[in-house]
Amino acid sequence: EENLIVPDGPTAGDPLTFTEEQAQFVLGLYEVDPYFVGPA
């Protein structure tokens, strides 16, 4: 949201924000192991 824009359409140029379903996909895609011990 801070760095990218909507590339085309009626809201072209606005910050790229996701719908609830899109955000759910992103949250699931970036799920992490709760037992991970860093660093990477």
All heavy atoms as atom14 arrays in JSON, in Angstrom:
{
  "sequence": "EENLIVPDGPTAGDPLTFTEEQAQFVLGLYEVDPYFVGPA",
  "atom14_mask": [
    [1, 1, 1, 1, 1, 1, 1, 1, 1, 0, 0, 0, 0, 0],
    [1, 1, 1, 1, 1, 1, 1, 1, 1, 0, 0, 0, 0, 0],
    [1, 1, 1, 1, 1, 1, 1, 1, 0, 0, 0, 0, 0, 0],
    [1, 1, 1, 1, 1, 1, 1, 1, 0, 0, 0, 0, 0, 0],
    [1, 1, 1, 1, 1, 1, 1, 1, 0, 0, 0, 0, 0, 0],
    [1, 1, 1, 1, 1, 1, 1, 0, 0, 0, 0, 0, 0, 0],
    [1, 1, 1, 1, 1, 1, 1, 0, 0, 0, 0, 0, 0, 0],
    [1, 1, 1, 1, 1, 1, 1, 1, 0, 0, 0, 0, 0, 0],
    [1, 1, 1, 1, 0, 0, 0, 0, 0, 0, 0, 0, 0, 0],
    [1, 1, 1, 1, 1, 1, 1, 0, 0, 0, 0, 0, 0, 0],
    [1, 1, 1, 1, 1, 1, 1, 0, 0, 0, 0, 0, 0, 0],
    [1, 1, 1, 1, 1, 0, 0, 0, 0, 0, 0, 0, 0, 0],
    [1, 1, 1, 1, 0, 0, 0, 0, 0, 0, 0, 0, 0, 0],
    [1, 1, 1, 1, 1, 1, 1, 1, 0, 0, 0, 0, 0, 0],
    [1, 1, 1, 1, 1, 1, 1, 0, 0, 0, 0, 0, 0, 0],
    [1, 1, 1, 1, 1, 1, 1, 1, 0, 0, 0, 0, 0, 0],
    [1, 1, 1, 1, 1, 1, 1, 0, 0, 0, 0, 0, 0, 0],
    [1, 1, 1, 1, 1, 1, 1, 1, 1, 1, 1, 0, 0, 0],
    [1, 1, 1, 1, 1, 1, 1, 0, 0, 0, 0, 0, 0, 0],
    [1, 1, 1, 1, 1, 1, 1, 1, 1, 0, 0, 0, 0, 0],
    [1, 1, 1, 1, 1, 1, 1, 1, 1, 0, 0, 0, 0, 0],
    [1, 1, 1, 1, 1, 1, 1, 1, 1, 0, 0, 0, 0, 0],
    [1, 1, 1, 1, 1, 0, 0, 0, 0, 0, 0, 0, 0, 0],
    [1, 1, 1, 1, 1, 1, 1, 1, 1, 0, 0, 0, 0, 0],
    [1, 1, 1, 1, 1, 1, 1, 1, 1, 1, 1, 0, 0, 0],
    [1, 1, 1, 1, 1, 1, 1, 0, 0, 0, 0, 0, 0, 0],
    [1, 1, 1, 1, 1, 1, 1, 1, 0, 0, 0, 0, 0, 0],
    [1, 1, 1, 1, 0, 0, 0, 0, 0, 0, 0, 0, 0, 0],
    [1, 1, 1, 1, 1, 1, 1, 1, 0, 0, 0, 0, 0, 0],
    [1, 1, 1, 1, 1, 1, 1, 1, 1, 1, 1, 1, 0, 0],
    [1, 1, 1, 1, 1, 1, 1, 1, 1, 0, 0, 0, 0, 0],
    [1, 1, 1, 1, 1, 1, 1, 0, 0, 0, 0, 0, 0, 0],
    [1, 1, 1, 1, 1, 1, 1, 1, 0, 0, 0, 0, 0, 0],
    [1, 1, 1, 1, 1, 1, 1, 0, 0, 0, 0, 0, 0, 0],
    [1, 1, 1, 1, 1, 1, 1, 1, 1, 1, 1, 1, 0, 0],
    [1, 1, 1, 1, 1, 1, 1, 1, 1, 1, 1, 0, 0, 0],
    [1, 1, 1, 1, 1, 1, 1, 0, 0, 0, 0, 0, 0, 0],
    [1, 1, 1, 1, 0, 0, 0, 0, 0, 0, 0, 0, 0, 0],
    [1, 1, 1, 1, 1, 1, 1, 0, 0, 0, 0, 0, 0, 0],
    [1, 1, 1, 1, 1, 0, 0, 0, 0, 0, 0, 0, 0, 0]
  ],
  "atom14_positions": [
    [[0.83, -1.22, 0.0], [0.0, 0.0, 0.0], [0.86, 1.26, 0.0], [0.48, 2.27, -0.59], [-0.94, -0.01, 1.2], [-2.04, -1.04, 1.1], [-2.94, -1.07, 2.33], [-2.63, -0.4, 3.34], [-3.96, -1.79, 2.27], [0.0, 0.0, 0.0], [0.0, 0.0, 0.0], [0.0, 0.0, 0.0], [0.0, 0.0, 0.0], [0.0, 0.0, 0.0]],
    [[2.01, 1.21, 0.65], [2.88, 2.39, 0.73], [3.7, 2.61, -0.53], [4.11, 3.74, -0.82], [3.84, 2.25, 1.92], [3.17, 2.35, 3.26], [4.11, 2.05, 4.42], [5.3, 1.7, 4.17], [3.66, 2.14, 5.57], [0.0, 0.0, 0.0], [0.0, 0.0, 0.0], [0.0, 0.0, 0.0], [0.0, 0.0, 0.0], [0.0, 0.0, 0.0]],
    [[3.96, 1.55, -1.3], [4.9, 1.65, -2.41], [4.33, 1.44, -3.8], [4.95, 1.87, -4.78], [6.05, 0.66, -2.2], [6.96, 1.06, -1.08], [7.79, 1.94, -1.25], [6.79, 0.44, 0.07], [0.0, 0.0, 0.0], [0.0, 0.0, 0.0], [0.0, 0.0, 0.0], [0.0, 0.0, 0.0], [0.0, 0.0, 0.0], [0.0, 0.0, 0.0]],
    [[3.2, 0.77, -3.92], [2.69, 0.41, -5.24], [1.35, 1.07, -5.53], [0.61, 1.42, -4.61], [2.57, -1.11, -5.36], [3.85, -1.9, -5.1], [3.59, -3.4, -5.22], [4.97, -1.46, -6.03], [0.0, 0.0, 0.0], [0.0, 0.0, 0.0], [0.0, 0.0, 0.0], [0.0, 0.0, 0.0], [0.0, 0.0, 0.0], [0.0, 0.0, 0.0]],
    [[1.07, 1.2, -6.82], [-0.18, 1.82, -7.27], [-1.04, 0.84, -8.05], [-0.55, -0.15, -8.57], [0.1, 3.06, -8.15], [0.9, 2.64, -9.39], [0.79, 4.16, -7.37], [0.85, 3.62, -10.54], [0.0, 0.0, 0.0], [0.0, 0.0, 0.0], [0.0, 0.0, 0.0], [0.0, 0.0, 0.0], [0.0, 0.0, 0.0], [0.0, 0.0, 0.0]],
    [[-2.31, 1.18, -8.17], [-3.2, 0.45, -9.07], [-2.75, 0.79, -10.49], [-2.65, 1.95, -10.85], [-4.67, 0.87, -8.85], [-5.59, 0.19, -9.87], [-5.11, 0.58, -7.43], [0.0, 0.0, 0.0], [0.0, 0.0, 0.0], [0.0, 0.0, 0.0], [0.0, 0.0, 0.0], [0.0, 0.0, 0.0], [0.0, 0.0, 0.0], [0.0, 0.0, 0.0]],
    [[-2.43, -0.23, -11.32], [-1.82, 0.06, -12.62], [-2.77, 0.6, -13.68], [-2.34, 1.33, -14.58], [-1.25, -1.29, -13.05], [-2.07, -2.3, -12.32], [-2.47, -1.66, -11.04], [0.0, 0.0, 0.0], [0.0, 0.0, 0.0], [0.0, 0.0, 0.0], [0.0, 0.0, 0.0], [0.0, 0.0, 0.0], [0.0, 0.0, 0.0], [0.0, 0.0, 0.0]],
    [[-4.06, 0.26, -13.63], [-4.99, 0.76, -14.65], [-6.41, 0.71, -14.12], [-6.65, 0.31, -12.99], [-4.86, -0.05, -15.95], [-5.13, -1.54, -15.75], [-5.72, -1.91, -14.72], [-4.73, -2.33, -16.62], [0.0, 0.0, 0.0], [0.0, 0.0, 0.0], [0.0, 0.0, 0.0], [0.0, 0.0, 0.0], [0.0, 0.0, 0.0], [0.0, 0.0, 0.0]],
    [[-7.34, 1.15, -14.95], [-8.74, 1.15, -14.55], [-9.15, 2.46, -13.92], [-8.38, 3.42, -13.9], [0.0, 0.0, 0.0], [0.0, 0.0, 0.0], [0.0, 0.0, 0.0], [0.0, 0.0, 0.0], [0.0, 0.0, 0.0], [0.0, 0.0, 0.0], [0.0, 0.0, 0.0], [0.0, 0.0, 0.0], [0.0, 0.0, 0.0], [0.0, 0.0, 0.0]],
    [[-10.37, 2.51, -13.38], [-10.9, 3.77, -12.84], [-10.14, 4.32, -11.64], [-10.2, 5.51, -11.36], [-12.35, 3.44, -12.46], [-12.52, 1.98, -12.64], [-11.34, 1.43, -13.35], [0.0, 0.0, 0.0], [0.0, 0.0, 0.0], [0.0, 0.0, 0.0], [0.0, 0.0, 0.0], [0.0, 0.0, 0.0], [0.0, 0.0, 0.0], [0.0, 0.0, 0.0]],
    [[-9.43, 3.45, -10.93], [-8.66, 3.91, -9.76], [-7.16, 3.92, -10.03], [-6.36, 3.91, -9.1], [-8.96, 3.04, -8.53], [-8.61, 1.68, -8.82], [-10.43, 3.13, -8.12], [0.0, 0.0, 0.0], [0.0, 0.0, 0.0], [0.0, 0.0, 0.0], [0.0, 0.0, 0.0], [0.0, 0.0, 0.0], [0.0, 0.0, 0.0], [0.0, 0.0, 0.0]],
    [[-6.77, 3.95, -11.31], [-5.35, 3.94, -11.68], [-4.61, 5.06, -10.96], [-5.09, 6.19, -10.89], [-5.19, 4.1, -13.19], [0.0, 0.0, 0.0], [0.0, 0.0, 0.0], [0.0, 0.0, 0.0], [0.0, 0.0, 0.0], [0.0, 0.0, 0.0], [0.0, 0.0, 0.0], [0.0, 0.0, 0.0], [0.0, 0.0, 0.0], [0.0, 0.0, 0.0]],
    [[-3.45, 4.73, -10.4], [-2.65, 5.71, -9.68], [-2.89, 5.74, -8.19], [-2.08, 6.27, -7.44], [0.0, 0.0, 0.0], [0.0, 0.0, 0.0], [0.0, 0.0, 0.0], [0.0, 0.0, 0.0], [0.0, 0.0, 0.0], [0.0, 0.0, 0.0], [0.0, 0.0, 0.0], [0.0, 0.0, 0.0], [0.0, 0.0, 0.0], [0.0, 0.0, 0.0]],
    [[-4.01, 5.17, -7.74], [-4.29, 5.1, -6.3], [-3.37, 4.05, -5.66], [-2.88, 3.15, -6.36], [-5.75, 4.71, -6.04], [-6.73, 5.83, -6.34], [-6.28, 6.95, -6.64], [-7.95, 5.55, -6.28], [0.0, 0.0, 0.0], [0.0, 0.0, 0.0], [0.0, 0.0, 0.0], [0.0, 0.0, 0.0], [0.0, 0.0, 0.0], [0.0, 0.0, 0.0]],
    [[-3.16, 4.13, -4.35], [-2.37, 3.08, -3.69], [-3.0, 1.71, -3.93], [-4.23, 1.57, -3.93], [-2.43, 3.47, -2.21], [-2.69, 4.93, -2.21], [-3.55, 5.19, -3.42], [0.0, 0.0, 0.0], [0.0, 0.0, 0.0], [0.0, 0.0, 0.0], [0.0, 0.0, 0.0], [0.0, 0.0, 0.0], [0.0, 0.0, 0.0], [0.0, 0.0, 0.0]],
    [[-2.17, 0.7, -4.14], [-2.65, -0.66, -4.37], [-3.12, -1.25, -3.04], [-2.32, -1.54, -2.16], [-1.54, -1.53, -4.97], [-1.93, -2.97, -5.3], [-2.98, -2.99, -6.42], [-0.73, -3.78, -5.71], [0.0, 0.0, 0.0], [0.0, 0.0, 0.0], [0.0, 0.0, 0.0], [0.0, 0.0, 0.0], [0.0, 0.0, 0.0], [0.0, 0.0, 0.0]],
    [[-4.42, -1.37, -2.9], [-4.99, -1.98, -1.71], [-5.72, -3.25, -2.15], [-6.26, -3.33, -3.25], [-5.98, -1.04, -0.99], [-7.0, -0.64, -1.92], [-5.26, 0.19, -0.47], [0.0, 0.0, 0.0], [0.0, 0.0, 0.0], [0.0, 0.0, 0.0], [0.0, 0.0, 0.0], [0.0, 0.0, 0.0], [0.0, 0.0, 0.0], [0.0, 0.0, 0.0]],
    [[-5.73, -4.23, -1.28], [-6.34, -5.51, -1.6], [-7.74, -5.62, -1.03], [-8.04, -5.05, 0.02], [-5.48, -6.65, -1.05], [-4.09, -6.7, -1.63], [-2.99, -6.88, -0.8], [-3.87, -6.58, -2.99], [-1.71, -6.94, -1.33], [-2.6, -6.63, -3.53], [-1.52, -6.82, -2.69], [0.0, 0.0, 0.0], [0.0, 0.0, 0.0], [0.0, 0.0, 0.0]],
    [[-8.58, -6.39, -1.72], [-9.89, -6.71, -1.16], [-9.66, -7.66, 0.02], [-8.55, -8.17, 0.22], [-10.77, -7.42, -2.21], [-10.18, -8.7, -2.52], [-10.93, -6.58, -3.47], [0.0, 0.0, 0.0], [0.0, 0.0, 0.0], [0.0, 0.0, 0.0], [0.0, 0.0, 0.0], [0.0, 0.0, 0.0], [0.0, 0.0, 0.0], [0.0, 0.0, 0.0]],
    [[-10.7, -7.94, 0.75], [-10.58, -8.85, 1.9], [-10.11, -10.23, 1.45], [-9.23, -10.84, 2.07], [-11.91, -8.95, 2.64], [-11.81, -9.78, 3.9], [-13.1, -9.79, 4.71], [-13.89, -8.84, 4.6], [-13.31, -10.77, 5.45], [0.0, 0.0, 0.0], [0.0, 0.0, 0.0], [0.0, 0.0, 0.0], [0.0, 0.0, 0.0], [0.0, 0.0, 0.0]],
    [[-10.66, -10.72, 0.35], [-10.27, -12.05, -0.14], [-8.82, -12.06, -0.63], [-8.07, -13.0, -0.38], [-11.2, -12.51, -1.26], [-10.96, -13.94, -1.67], [-11.9, -14.43, -2.76], [-12.56, -13.61, -3.43], [-11.95, -15.66, -2.95], [0.0, 0.0, 0.0], [0.0, 0.0, 0.0], [0.0, 0.0, 0.0], [0.0, 0.0, 0.0], [0.0, 0.0, 0.0]],
    [[-8.41, -10.98, -1.31], [-7.02, -10.89, -1.76], [-6.07, -10.83, -0.56], [-5.03, -11.49, -0.55], [-6.83, -9.66, -2.65], [-7.51, -9.79, -3.99], [-7.54, -8.47, -4.75], [-7.48, -7.38, -4.17], [-7.64, -8.55, -6.07], [0.0, 0.0, 0.0], [0.0, 0.0, 0.0], [0.0, 0.0, 0.0], [0.0, 0.0, 0.0], [0.0, 0.0, 0.0]],
    [[-6.44, -10.05, 0.44], [-5.62, -9.95, 1.64], [-5.51, -11.3, 2.35], [-4.43, -11.67, 2.82], [-6.18, -8.9, 2.59], [0.0, 0.0, 0.0], [0.0, 0.0, 0.0], [0.0, 0.0, 0.0], [0.0, 0.0, 0.0], [0.0, 0.0, 0.0], [0.0, 0.0, 0.0], [0.0, 0.0, 0.0], [0.0, 0.0, 0.0], [0.0, 0.0, 0.0]],
    [[-6.6, -12.07, 2.38], [-6.56, -13.39, 2.99], [-5.57, -14.3, 2.26], [-4.84, -15.07, 2.89], [-7.95, -14.04, 2.99], [-8.86, -13.54, 4.08], [-8.31, -13.8, 5.47], [-8.24, -12.88, 6.28], [-7.9, -15.01, 5.77], [0.0, 0.0, 0.0], [0.0, 0.0, 0.0], [0.0, 0.0, 0.0], [0.0, 0.0, 0.0], [0.0, 0.0, 0.0]],
    [[-5.53, -14.19, 0.92], [-4.57, -14.97, 0.15], [-3.14, -14.59, 0.54], [-2.29, -15.46, 0.76], [-4.79, -14.74, -1.35], [-3.8, -15.47, -2.21], [-3.97, -16.82, -2.5], [-2.68, -14.81, -2.73], [-3.04, -17.5, -3.29], [-1.75, -15.49, -3.5], [-1.93, -16.83, -3.79], [0.0, 0.0, 0.0], [0.0, 0.0, 0.0], [0.0, 0.0, 0.0]],
    [[-2.87, -13.3, 0.64], [-1.53, -12.82, 0.99], [-1.16, -13.27, 2.41], [-0.04, -13.74, 2.65], [-1.42, -11.29, 0.86], [-0.08, -10.76, 1.37], [-1.63, -10.87, -0.6], [0.0, 0.0, 0.0], [0.0, 0.0, 0.0], [0.0, 0.0, 0.0], [0.0, 0.0, 0.0], [0.0, 0.0, 0.0], [0.0, 0.0, 0.0], [0.0, 0.0, 0.0]],
    [[-2.07, -13.16, 3.34], [-1.8, -13.58, 4.72], [-1.48, -15.07, 4.78], [-0.56, -15.49, 5.48], [-2.99, -13.26, 5.62], [-3.29, -11.77, 5.82], [-4.58, -11.59, 6.63], [-2.14, -11.05, 6.49], [0.0, 0.0, 0.0], [0.0, 0.0, 0.0], [0.0, 0.0, 0.0], [0.0, 0.0, 0.0], [0.0, 0.0, 0.0], [0.0, 0.0, 0.0]],
    [[-2.21, -15.87, 4.02], [-1.95, -17.3, 3.98], [-0.63, -17.63, 3.29], [0.11, -18.51, 3.74], [0.0, 0.0, 0.0], [0.0, 0.0, 0.0], [0.0, 0.0, 0.0], [0.0, 0.0, 0.0], [0.0, 0.0, 0.0], [0.0, 0.0, 0.0], [0.0, 0.0, 0.0], [0.0, 0.0, 0.0], [0.0, 0.0, 0.0], [0.0, 0.0, 0.0]],
    [[-0.34, -16.94, 2.21], [0.89, -17.18, 1.46], [2.13, -16.93, 2.3], [3.13, -17.63, 2.18], [0.92, -16.3, 0.21], [2.13, -16.43, -0.7], [2.21, -17.82, -1.32], [2.08, -15.37, -1.79], [0.0, 0.0, 0.0], [0.0, 0.0, 0.0], [0.0, 0.0, 0.0], [0.0, 0.0, 0.0], [0.0, 0.0, 0.0], [0.0, 0.0, 0.0]],
    [[2.07, -15.94, 3.17], [3.22, -15.56, 3.98], [3.17, -16.09, 5.42], [3.82, -15.55, 6.31], [3.41, -14.04, 3.95], [3.93, -13.58, 2.61], [3.07, -13.08, 1.65], [5.28, -13.68, 2.3], [3.54, -12.68, 0.4], [5.76, -13.28, 1.07], [4.88, -12.78, 0.13], [5.36, -12.4, -1.1], [0.0, 0.0, 0.0], [0.0, 0.0, 0.0]],
    [[2.4, -17.15, 5.63], [2.35, -17.79, 6.95], [3.73, -18.31, 7.32], [4.47, -18.81, 6.48], [1.35, -18.94, 6.94], [1.16, -19.6, 8.28], [0.17, -20.75, 8.22], [-0.47, -20.96, 7.18], [0.05, -21.45, 9.25], [0.0, 0.0, 0.0], [0.0, 0.0, 0.0], [0.0, 0.0, 0.0], [0.0, 0.0, 0.0], [0.0, 0.0, 0.0]],
    [[4.09, -18.17, 8.59], [5.41, -18.6, 9.04], [5.3, -19.62, 10.17], [4.29, -19.71, 10.86], [6.28, -17.41, 9.49], [6.61, -16.5, 8.32], [5.62, -16.62, 10.61], [0.0, 0.0, 0.0], [0.0, 0.0, 0.0], [0.0, 0.0, 0.0], [0.0, 0.0, 0.0], [0.0, 0.0, 0.0], [0.0, 0.0, 0.0], [0.0, 0.0, 0.0]],
    [[6.38, -20.36, 10.34], [6.47, -21.38, 11.38], [6.57, -20.72, 12.75], [7.52, -19.98, 13.02], [7.71, -22.23, 11.11], [7.93, -23.33, 12.14], [7.14, -23.43, 13.1], [8.89, -24.09, 11.96], [0.0, 0.0, 0.0], [0.0, 0.0, 0.0], [0.0, 0.0, 0.0], [0.0, 0.0, 0.0], [0.0, 0.0, 0.0], [0.0, 0.0, 0.0]],
    [[5.62, -20.95, 13.64], [5.66, -20.3, 14.96], [6.84, -20.78, 15.81], [7.19, -20.14, 16.8], [4.33, -20.66, 15.6], [3.86, -21.88, 14.88], [4.43, -21.8, 13.49], [0.0, 0.0, 0.0], [0.0, 0.0, 0.0], [0.0, 0.0, 0.0], [0.0, 0.0, 0.0], [0.0, 0.0, 0.0], [0.0, 0.0, 0.0], [0.0, 0.0, 0.0]],
    [[7.47, -21.87, 15.42], [8.6, -22.41, 16.17], [9.95, -22.07, 15.54], [10.99, -22.57, 15.97], [8.46, -23.93, 16.32], [7.18, -24.31, 17.01], [6.13, -24.85, 16.28], [6.99, -24.09, 18.37], [4.92, -25.18, 16.9], [5.81, -24.42, 18.99], [4.78, -24.96, 18.25], [3.59, -25.27, 18.86], [0.0, 0.0, 0.0], [0.0, 0.0, 0.0]],
    [[9.92, -21.23, 14.52], [11.16, -20.82, 13.86], [12.08, -20.11, 14.85], [11.65, -19.29, 15.64], [10.84, -19.87, 12.7], [12.04, -19.26, 12.04], [12.72, -19.94, 11.05], [12.47, -17.99, 12.39], [13.81, -19.37, 10.43], [13.56, -17.41, 11.78], [14.24, -18.1, 10.79], [0.0, 0.0, 0.0], [0.0, 0.0, 0.0], [0.0, 0.0, 0.0]],
    [[13.36, -20.46, 14.78], [14.36, -19.78, 15.6], [15.3, -19.08, 14.62], [15.94, -19.72, 13.81], [15.15, -20.79, 16.47], [16.22, -20.06, 17.25], [14.21, -21.54, 17.39], [0.0, 0.0, 0.0], [0.0, 0.0, 0.0], [0.0, 0.0, 0.0], [0.0, 0.0, 0.0], [0.0, 0.0, 0.0], [0.0, 0.0, 0.0], [0.0, 0.0, 0.0]],
    [[15.34, -17.76, 14.69], [16.16, -16.98, 13.76], [17.63, -17.05, 14.1], [18.02, -17.69, 15.07], [0.0, 0.0, 0.0], [0.0, 0.0, 0.0], [0.0, 0.0, 0.0], [0.0, 0.0, 0.0], [0.0, 0.0, 0.0], [0.0, 0.0, 0.0], [0.0, 0.0, 0.0], [0.0, 0.0, 0.0], [0.0, 0.0, 0.0], [0.0, 0.0, 0.0]],
    [[18.44, -16.41, 13.32], [18.12, -15.6, 12.14], [17.96, -16.47, 10.89], [18.22, -17.68, 10.92], [19.33, -14.69, 12.01], [20.46, -15.51, 12.54], [19.87, -16.33, 13.65], [0.0, 0.0, 0.0], [0.0, 0.0, 0.0], [0.0, 0.0, 0.0], [0.0, 0.0, 0.0], [0.0, 0.0, 0.0], [0.0, 0.0, 0.0], [0.0, 0.0, 0.0]],
    [[17.58, -15.82, 9.78], [17.36, -16.55, 8.53], [18.66, -17.0, 7.89], [18.69, -18.02, 7.21], [16.59, -15.66, 7.56], [0.0, 0.0, 0.0], [0.0, 0.0, 0.0], [0.0, 0.0, 0.0], [0.0, 0.0, 0.0], [0.0, 0.0, 0.0], [0.0, 0.0, 0.0], [0.0, 0.0, 0.0], [0.0, 0.0, 0.0], [0.0, 0.0, 0.0]]
  ]
}
